[in-house]
Amino acid sequence: MLNTIVLSAILIISAATIGLIYRVIKGPTTPDRVVALDAVGINLVAIVALISIALNTSAYVEVILLIGILAFIGTVAFSKYLEKGVIIENDRDR
C-alpha cells in the first residue's frame, strides 16, 4: 500500500517538474524563470525523499541536503544578479 502511494506521489511530482521545466524555458519574465528553477530544486528534493522512503533507507539524506543547499544558493545568486547586476561584489564595484 505504501509503495503504491509513494509511486503515485513520485509520478505527480514528476509531472509538476515537467511543467516547471517548461516554465523555466518559456517563462514570460526572468523572475518567473528563477522561481520555477527554485521549485524544480524543491521537487527534486521531494522525489529523492520519496525514493528513500520507497527503498526504506536513509542513505539519501546527504543527497537531499546537497540538492537543497545548491538550490537555495542558486536562487540567492540569481536574485542578487537580477537586483544588482553582479553576484560577487568587489570594492571596485561600489
C-alpha atoms as a PDB file:
ATOM      1  CA  MET A   1       0.000   0.000   0.000  1.00  0.00           C
ATOM      2  CA  LEU A   2       2.754   2.442   0.958  1.00  0.00           C
ATOM      3  CA  ASN A   3       4.714   1.695  -2.209  1.00  0.00           C
ATOM      4  CA  THR A   4       1.656   2.489  -4.330  1.00  0.00           C
ATOM      5  CA  ILE A   5       1.181   5.830  -2.597  1.00  0.00           C
ATOM      6  CA  VAL A   6       4.883   6.677  -2.890  1.00  0.00           C
ATOM      7  CA  LEU A   7       4.922   5.738  -6.573  1.00  0.00           C
ATOM      8  CA  SER A   8       1.823   7.854  -7.204  1.00  0.00           C
ATOM      9  CA  ALA A   9       3.422  10.812  -5.425  1.00  0.00           C
ATOM     10  CA  ILE A  10       6.616  10.420  -7.475  1.00  0.00           C
ATOM     11  CA  LEU A  11       4.589  10.428 -10.701  1.00  0.00           C
ATOM     12  CA  ILE A  12       2.609  13.514  -9.675  1.00  0.00           C
ATOM     13  CA  ILE A  13       5.734  15.428  -8.636  1.00  0.00           C
ATOM     14  CA  SER A  14       7.476  14.368 -11.856  1.00  0.00           C
ATOM     15  CA  ALA A  15       4.578  15.765 -13.896  1.00  0.00           C
ATOM     16  CA  ALA A  16       4.803  19.011 -11.935  1.00  0.00           C
ATOM     17  CA  THR A  17       8.547  19.131 -12.574  1.00  0.00           C
ATOM     18  CA  ILE A  18       7.985  18.778 -16.314  1.00  0.00           C
ATOM     19  CA  GLY A  19       5.587  21.725 -16.164  1.00  0.00           C
ATOM     20  CA  LEU A  20       8.142  23.748 -14.223  1.00  0.00           C
ATOM     21  CA  ILE A  21      10.873  22.949 -16.733  1.00  0.00           C
ATOM     22  CA  TYR A  22       8.564  24.299 -19.435  1.00  0.00           C
ATOM     23  CA  ARG A  23       8.176  27.470 -17.334  1.00  0.00           C
ATOM     24  CA  VAL A  24      11.970  27.752 -16.952  1.00  0.00           C
ATOM     25  CA  ILE A  25      12.421  27.561 -20.714  1.00  0.00           C
ATOM     26  CA  LYS A  26       9.401  29.602 -21.829  1.00  0.00           C
ATOM     27  CA  GLY A  27       8.767  31.898 -18.823  1.00  0.00           C
ATOM     28  CA  PRO A  28       7.484  35.366 -19.652  1.00  0.00           C
ATOM     29  CA  THR A  29       9.969  37.113 -17.349  1.00  0.00           C
ATOM     30  CA  THR A  30      13.296  36.269 -15.780  1.00  0.00           C
ATOM     31  CA  PRO A  31      11.946  36.312 -12.185  1.00  0.00           C
ATOM     32  CA  ASP A  32       9.350  33.718 -13.248  1.00  0.00           C
ATOM     33  CA  ARG A  33      12.156  31.534 -14.536  1.00  0.00           C
ATOM     34  CA  VAL A  34      14.095  31.907 -11.271  1.00  0.00           C
ATOM     35  CA  VAL A  35      11.069  30.927  -9.183  1.00  0.00           C
ATOM     36  CA  ALA A  36      10.385  27.945 -11.457  1.00  0.00           C
ATOM     37  CA  LEU A  37      14.027  26.847 -11.183  1.00  0.00           C
ATOM     38  CA  ASP A  38      13.810  27.018  -7.388  1.00  0.00           C
ATOM     39  CA  ALA A  39      10.611  24.960  -7.480  1.00  0.00           C
ATOM     40  CA  VAL A  40      12.380  22.365  -9.660  1.00  0.00           C
ATOM     41  CA  GLY A  41      15.021  22.061  -6.944  1.00  0.00           C
ATOM     42  CA  ILE A  42      12.345  21.583  -4.297  1.00  0.00           C
ATOM     43  CA  ASN A  43      10.654  18.931  -6.444  1.00  0.00           C
ATOM     44  CA  LEU A  44      13.969  17.108  -6.859  1.00  0.00           C
ATOM     45  CA  VAL A  45      14.373  17.051  -3.082  1.00  0.00           C
ATOM     46  CA  ALA A  46      10.851  15.631  -2.757  1.00  0.00           C
ATOM     47  CA  ILE A  47      11.482  12.946  -5.392  1.00  0.00           C
ATOM     48  CA  VAL A  48      14.726  11.823  -3.749  1.00  0.00           C
ATOM     49  CA  ALA A  49      12.986  11.758  -0.350  1.00  0.00           C
ATOM     50  CA  LEU A  50      10.191   9.614  -1.768  1.00  0.00           C
ATOM     51  CA  ILE A  51      12.698   7.251  -3.362  1.00  0.00           C
ATOM     52  CA  SER A  52      14.417   6.989   0.021  1.00  0.00           C
ATOM     53  CA  ILE A  53      11.077   6.093   1.620  1.00  0.00           C
ATOM     54  CA  ALA A  54      10.305   3.549  -1.104  1.00  0.00           C
ATOM     55  CA  LEU A  55      13.681   1.860  -0.660  1.00  0.00           C
ATOM     56  CA  ASN A  56      13.387   2.051   3.154  1.00  0.00           C
ATOM     57  CA  THR A  57      16.836   3.571   3.571  1.00  0.00           C
ATOM     58  CA  SER A  58      18.341   6.741   4.968  1.00  0.00           C
ATOM     59  CA  ALA A  59      21.313   6.693   2.595  1.00  0.00           C
ATOM     60  CA  TYR A  60      19.910   9.551   0.504  1.00  0.00           C
ATOM     61  CA  VAL A  61      19.692  12.112   3.308  1.00  0.00           C
ATOM     62  CA  GLU A  62      23.025  13.639   2.278  1.00  0.00           C
ATOM     63  CA  VAL A  63      21.837  13.892  -1.317  1.00  0.00           C
ATOM     64  CA  ILE A  64      18.653  15.649  -0.175  1.00  0.00           C
ATOM     65  CA  LEU A  65      20.661  18.158   1.856  1.00  0.00           C
ATOM     66  CA  LEU A  66      23.076  18.784  -1.005  1.00  0.00           C
ATOM     67  CA  ILE A  67      20.319  19.404  -3.551  1.00  0.00           C
ATOM     68  CA  GLY A  68      18.517  21.704  -1.103  1.00  0.00           C
ATOM     69  CA  ILE A  69      21.628  23.746  -0.364  1.00  0.00           C
ATOM     70  CA  LEU A  70      22.542  24.065  -4.052  1.00  0.00           C
ATOM     71  CA  ALA A  71      19.008  25.097  -4.982  1.00  0.00           C
ATOM     72  CA  PHE A  72      18.998  27.747  -2.260  1.00  0.00           C
ATOM     73  CA  ILE A  73      22.399  29.148  -3.241  1.00  0.00           C
ATOM     74  CA  GLY A  74      21.398  29.215  -6.895  1.00  0.00           C
ATOM     75  CA  THR A  75      18.183  31.080  -6.131  1.00  0.00           C
ATOM     76  CA  VAL A  76      20.010  33.634  -3.993  1.00  0.00           C
ATOM     77  CA  ALA A  77      22.661  34.145  -6.691  1.00  0.00           C
ATOM     78  CA  PHE A  78      20.053  34.609  -9.441  1.00  0.00           C
ATOM     79  CA  SER A  79      18.058  37.013  -7.283  1.00  0.00           C
ATOM     80  CA  LYS A  80      21.114  39.080  -6.444  1.00  0.00           C
ATOM     81  CA  TYR A  81      22.122  39.185 -10.100  1.00  0.00           C
ATOM     82  CA  LEU A  82      18.650  40.340 -11.136  1.00  0.00           C
ATOM     83  CA  GLU A  83      18.635  43.057  -8.496  1.00  0.00           C
ATOM     84  CA  LYS A  84      22.174  44.439  -8.779  1.00  0.00           C
ATOM     85  CA  GLY A  85      23.658  43.023 -11.971  1.00  0.00           C
ATOM     86  CA  VAL A  86      26.589  41.361 -10.162  1.00  0.00           C
ATOM     87  CA  ILE A  87      26.817  38.327  -7.946  1.00  0.00           C
ATOM     88  CA  ILE A  88      30.107  38.888  -6.131  1.00  0.00           C
ATOM     89  CA  GLU A  89      30.811  42.464  -5.145  1.00  0.00           C
ATOM     90  CA  ASN A  90      34.326  43.861  -5.058  1.00  0.00           C
ATOM     91  CA  ASP A  91      35.489  47.162  -3.622  1.00  0.00           C
ATOM     92  CA  ARG A  92      35.911  48.381  -7.184  1.00  0.00           C
ATOM     93  CA  ASP A  93      32.229  47.750  -7.965  1.00  0.00           C
ATOM     94  CA  ARG A  94      30.987  50.290  -5.435  1.00  0.00           C
END
